[in-house]
């Protein structure tokens, strides 16, 4: 069983920055695709960003150019650097891991789908004030 622990959430003013971290208890972390999703109050959970095991990155249009996903395989950790934050970024942010290994990266649409991810963190709250 893989455990994912998010950290780094908090309250920030619009225009500010936060960096989320997700530490994974997985010996084969380097072969996992990792994703970040978020859920705002009263809304469905949505895709934010993903990084394949080859470090190709994918972003939702709403965060492209403002958020950056990265990974450090030596630390079994994935990060989400969030800049130029907006009130509409307020949500609980979830880290997710896809433990299925593919020798090649999948089509980008693969990484957007919640169902491909096998493990989920407990979530961390991000609140952006106007």
C-alpha atoms as a PDB file:
ATOM      1  CA  UNK A   1       0.000   0.000   0.000  1.00  0.00           C
ATOM      2  CA  UNK A   2       1.360   3.385  -1.013  1.00  0.00           C
ATOM      3  CA  UNK A   3       0.801   6.376   1.228  1.00  0.00           C
ATOM      4  CA  UNK A   4       0.801   9.917  -0.110  1.00  0.00           C
ATOM      5  CA  UNK A   5       1.163  12.835   2.272  1.00  0.00           C
ATOM      6  CA  UNK A   6       0.571  16.371   1.027  1.00  0.00           C
ATOM      7  CA  UNK A   7       1.856  19.505   2.699  1.00  0.00           C
ATOM      8  CA  UNK A   8       2.327  23.174   1.946  1.00  0.00           C
ATOM      9  CA  UNK A   9      -1.245  24.381   1.757  1.00  0.00           C
ATOM     10  CA  UNK A  10      -2.418  27.530   3.493  1.00  0.00           C
ATOM     11  CA  UNK A  11      -3.883  30.984   3.151  1.00  0.00           C
ATOM     12  CA  UNK A  12      -2.361  33.411   0.659  1.00  0.00           C
ATOM     13  CA  UNK A  13      -3.394  36.669  -0.938  1.00  0.00           C
ATOM     14  CA  UNK A  14      -4.239  36.884  -4.607  1.00  0.00           C
ATOM     15  CA  UNK A  15      -1.077  37.167  -6.662  1.00  0.00           C
ATOM     16  CA  UNK A  16       0.924  35.208  -4.114  1.00  0.00           C
ATOM     17  CA  UNK A  17       2.636  31.840  -4.335  1.00  0.00           C
ATOM     18  CA  UNK A  18       2.581  28.495  -2.583  1.00  0.00           C
ATOM     19  CA  UNK A  19       4.459  25.263  -3.104  1.00  0.00           C
ATOM     20  CA  UNK A  20       2.718  22.003  -2.385  1.00  0.00           C
ATOM     21  CA  UNK A  21       4.661  18.838  -1.687  1.00  0.00           C
ATOM     22  CA  UNK A  22       3.564  15.224  -1.821  1.00  0.00           C
ATOM     23  CA  UNK A  23       5.753  12.580  -0.239  1.00  0.00           C
ATOM     24  CA  UNK A  24       5.195   8.988  -1.332  1.00  0.00           C
ATOM     25  CA  UNK A  25       6.029   5.810   0.546  1.00  0.00           C
ATOM     26  CA  UNK A  26       6.756   3.836  -2.601  1.00  0.00           C
ATOM     27  CA  UNK A  27       9.962   1.976  -3.418  1.00  0.00           C
ATOM     28  CA  UNK A  28       9.269   2.277  -7.145  1.00  0.00           C
ATOM     29  CA  UNK A  29       8.202   5.931  -7.058  1.00  0.00           C
ATOM     30  CA  UNK A  30      10.400   6.750 -10.049  1.00  0.00           C
ATOM     31  CA  UNK A  31       8.160   4.619 -12.301  1.00  0.00           C
ATOM     32  CA  UNK A  32       4.921   6.265 -11.181  1.00  0.00           C
ATOM     33  CA  UNK A  33       3.044   8.998 -12.959  1.00  0.00           C
ATOM     34  CA  UNK A  34       1.951  11.584 -10.420  1.00  0.00           C
ATOM     35  CA  UNK A  35      -0.929  14.009 -10.559  1.00  0.00           C
ATOM     36  CA  UNK A  36      -2.468  16.906  -8.707  1.00  0.00           C
ATOM     37  CA  UNK A  37      -6.211  17.411  -8.589  1.00  0.00           C
ATOM     38  CA  UNK A  38      -8.346  19.919  -6.717  1.00  0.00           C
ATOM     39  CA  UNK A  39     -11.889  20.207  -5.442  1.00  0.00           C
ATOM     40  CA  UNK A  40     -13.533  23.512  -4.684  1.00  0.00           C
ATOM     41  CA  UNK A  41     -16.607  23.741  -2.429  1.00  0.00           C
ATOM     42  CA  UNK A  42     -19.709  22.565  -4.256  1.00  0.00           C
ATOM     43  CA  UNK A  43     -17.743  21.468  -7.307  1.00  0.00           C
ATOM     44  CA  UNK A  44     -16.425  18.207  -8.675  1.00  0.00           C
ATOM     45  CA  UNK A  45     -12.790  17.302  -8.347  1.00  0.00           C
ATOM     46  CA  UNK A  46     -10.771  18.455 -11.366  1.00  0.00           C
ATOM     47  CA  UNK A  47      -7.395  17.792 -12.914  1.00  0.00           C
ATOM     48  CA  UNK A  48      -4.666  20.361 -12.256  1.00  0.00           C
ATOM     49  CA  UNK A  49      -1.338  18.905 -13.403  1.00  0.00           C
ATOM     50  CA  UNK A  50       0.506  15.642 -13.929  1.00  0.00           C
ATOM     51  CA  UNK A  51       4.031  14.433 -14.522  1.00  0.00           C
ATOM     52  CA  UNK A  52       4.902  11.146 -16.168  1.00  0.00           C
ATOM     53  CA  UNK A  53       7.690   8.884 -14.999  1.00  0.00           C
ATOM     54  CA  UNK A  54       9.790  10.357 -17.823  1.00  0.00           C
ATOM     55  CA  UNK A  55       9.035  13.844 -16.398  1.00  0.00           C
ATOM     56  CA  UNK A  56       6.792  15.010 -19.215  1.00  0.00           C
ATOM     57  CA  UNK A  57       4.323  17.489 -17.733  1.00  0.00           C
ATOM     58  CA  UNK A  58       0.662  18.179 -18.382  1.00  0.00           C
ATOM     59  CA  UNK A  59      -1.502  21.069 -17.187  1.00  0.00           C
ATOM     60  CA  UNK A  60      -5.095  22.141 -17.096  1.00  0.00           C
ATOM     61  CA  UNK A  61      -5.668  25.242 -19.196  1.00  0.00           C
ATOM     62  CA  UNK A  62      -6.742  27.172 -16.106  1.00  0.00           C
ATOM     63  CA  UNK A  63      -3.297  26.855 -14.490  1.00  0.00           C
ATOM     64  CA  UNK A  64      -0.992  26.723 -17.497  1.00  0.00           C
ATOM     65  CA  UNK A  65       1.750  29.314 -17.203  1.00  0.00           C
ATOM     66  CA  UNK A  66       1.127  29.815 -13.471  1.00  0.00           C
ATOM     67  CA  UNK A  67       1.665  26.355 -11.955  1.00  0.00           C
ATOM     68  CA  UNK A  68       4.653  24.055 -12.340  1.00  0.00           C
ATOM     69  CA  UNK A  69       4.748  20.381 -11.429  1.00  0.00           C
ATOM     70  CA  UNK A  70       8.065  18.674 -10.759  1.00  0.00           C
ATOM     71  CA  UNK A  71       9.401  15.567  -9.101  1.00  0.00           C
ATOM     72  CA  UNK A  72      12.453  14.546  -7.088  1.00  0.00           C
ATOM     73  CA  UNK A  73      12.805  10.776  -7.331  1.00  0.00           C
ATOM     74  CA  UNK A  74      15.617  10.728  -4.775  1.00  0.00           C
ATOM     75  CA  UNK A  75      13.156  12.126  -2.224  1.00  0.00           C
ATOM     76  CA  UNK A  76      10.061  10.262  -3.486  1.00  0.00           C
ATOM     77  CA  UNK A  77       8.365  13.645  -3.715  1.00  0.00           C
ATOM     78  CA  UNK A  78       6.321  15.551  -6.256  1.00  0.00           C
ATOM     79  CA  UNK A  79       5.834  19.304  -6.065  1.00  0.00           C
ATOM     80  CA  UNK A  80       3.326  21.820  -7.321  1.00  0.00           C
ATOM     81  CA  UNK A  81       4.657  25.360  -7.483  1.00  0.00           C
ATOM     82  CA  UNK A  82       1.709  27.733  -7.693  1.00  0.00           C
ATOM     83  CA  UNK A  83       2.330  31.347  -8.695  1.00  0.00           C
ATOM     84  CA  UNK A  84       0.015  34.255  -9.458  1.00  0.00           C
ATOM     85  CA  UNK A  85      -2.680  32.634  -7.391  1.00  0.00           C
ATOM     86  CA  UNK A  86      -6.288  33.680  -7.894  1.00  0.00           C
ATOM     87  CA  UNK A  87      -9.305  33.357  -5.591  1.00  0.00           C
ATOM     88  CA  UNK A  88     -10.702  30.740  -7.986  1.00  0.00           C
ATOM     89  CA  UNK A  89      -7.706  28.521  -7.164  1.00  0.00           C
ATOM     90  CA  UNK A  90      -9.166  28.048  -3.689  1.00  0.00           C
ATOM     91  CA  UNK A  91      -9.732  24.327  -3.182  1.00  0.00           C
ATOM     92  CA  UNK A  92      -8.539  21.196  -1.472  1.00  0.00           C
ATOM     93  CA  UNK A  93      -5.585  19.914  -3.475  1.00  0.00           C
ATOM     94  CA  UNK A  94      -5.011  16.181  -3.785  1.00  0.00           C
ATOM     95  CA  UNK A  95      -1.920  14.296  -4.832  1.00  0.00           C
ATOM     96  CA  UNK A  96      -2.418  11.058  -6.760  1.00  0.00           C
ATOM     97  CA  UNK A  97      -0.164   8.236  -7.956  1.00  0.00           C
ATOM     98  CA  UNK A  98      -0.531   5.979 -10.976  1.00  0.00           C
ATOM     99  CA  UNK A  99       1.402   2.820 -10.190  1.00  0.00           C
ATOM    100  CA  UNK A 100       0.911   1.193 -13.579  1.00  0.00           C
ATOM    101  CA  UNK A 101       4.187   1.136 -15.482  1.00  0.00           C
ATOM    102  CA  UNK A 102       4.283   1.893 -19.188  1.00  0.00           C
ATOM    103  CA  UNK A 103       7.515   1.864 -21.152  1.00  0.00           C
ATOM    104  CA  UNK A 104       6.336   4.945 -23.037  1.00  0.00           C
ATOM    105  CA  UNK A 105       4.335   7.995 -22.023  1.00  0.00           C
ATOM    106  CA  UNK A 106       0.626   7.735 -22.670  1.00  0.00           C
ATOM    107  CA  UNK A 107      -1.491  10.227 -24.586  1.00  0.00           C
ATOM    108  CA  UNK A 108      -2.029  13.399 -22.581  1.00  0.00           C
ATOM    109  CA  UNK A 109      -5.708  12.624 -21.993  1.00  0.00           C
ATOM    110  CA  UNK A 110      -4.677   9.581 -19.992  1.00  0.00           C
ATOM    111  CA  UNK A 111      -3.195  11.704 -17.228  1.00  0.00           C
ATOM    112  CA  UNK A 112      -6.285  13.912 -16.892  1.00  0.00           C
ATOM    113  CA  UNK A 113      -8.507  11.026 -15.792  1.00  0.00           C
ATOM    114  CA  UNK A 114      -8.997  10.363 -12.086  1.00  0.00           C
ATOM    115  CA  UNK A 115      -9.623   6.670 -12.662  1.00  0.00           C
ATOM    116  CA  UNK A 116      -6.069   5.920 -13.779  1.00  0.00           C
ATOM    117  CA  UNK A 117      -4.668   6.878 -10.398  1.00  0.00           C
ATOM    118  CA  UNK A 118      -4.346   4.101  -7.845  1.00  0.00           C
ATOM    119  CA  UNK A 119      -3.484   6.038  -4.697  1.00  0.00           C
ATOM    120  CA  UNK A 120      -4.615   9.366  -3.284  1.00  0.00           C
ATOM    121  CA  UNK A 121      -3.472  11.638  -0.514  1.00  0.00           C
ATOM    122  CA  UNK A 122      -5.711  13.138   2.131  1.00  0.00           C
ATOM    123  CA  UNK A 123      -5.655  16.599   0.573  1.00  0.00           C
ATOM    124  CA  UNK A 124      -4.353  19.986   1.636  1.00  0.00           C
ATOM    125  CA  UNK A 125      -6.389  23.180   1.751  1.00  0.00           C
ATOM    126  CA  UNK A 126      -5.358  26.161  -0.372  1.00  0.00           C
ATOM    127  CA  UNK A 127      -7.239  29.398   0.224  1.00  0.00           C
ATOM    128  CA  UNK A 128      -6.592  32.491  -1.886  1.00  0.00           C
ATOM    129  CA  UNK A 129      -8.046  35.728  -0.584  1.00  0.00           C
ATOM    130  CA  UNK A 130      -8.925  38.645  -2.829  1.00  0.00           C
END
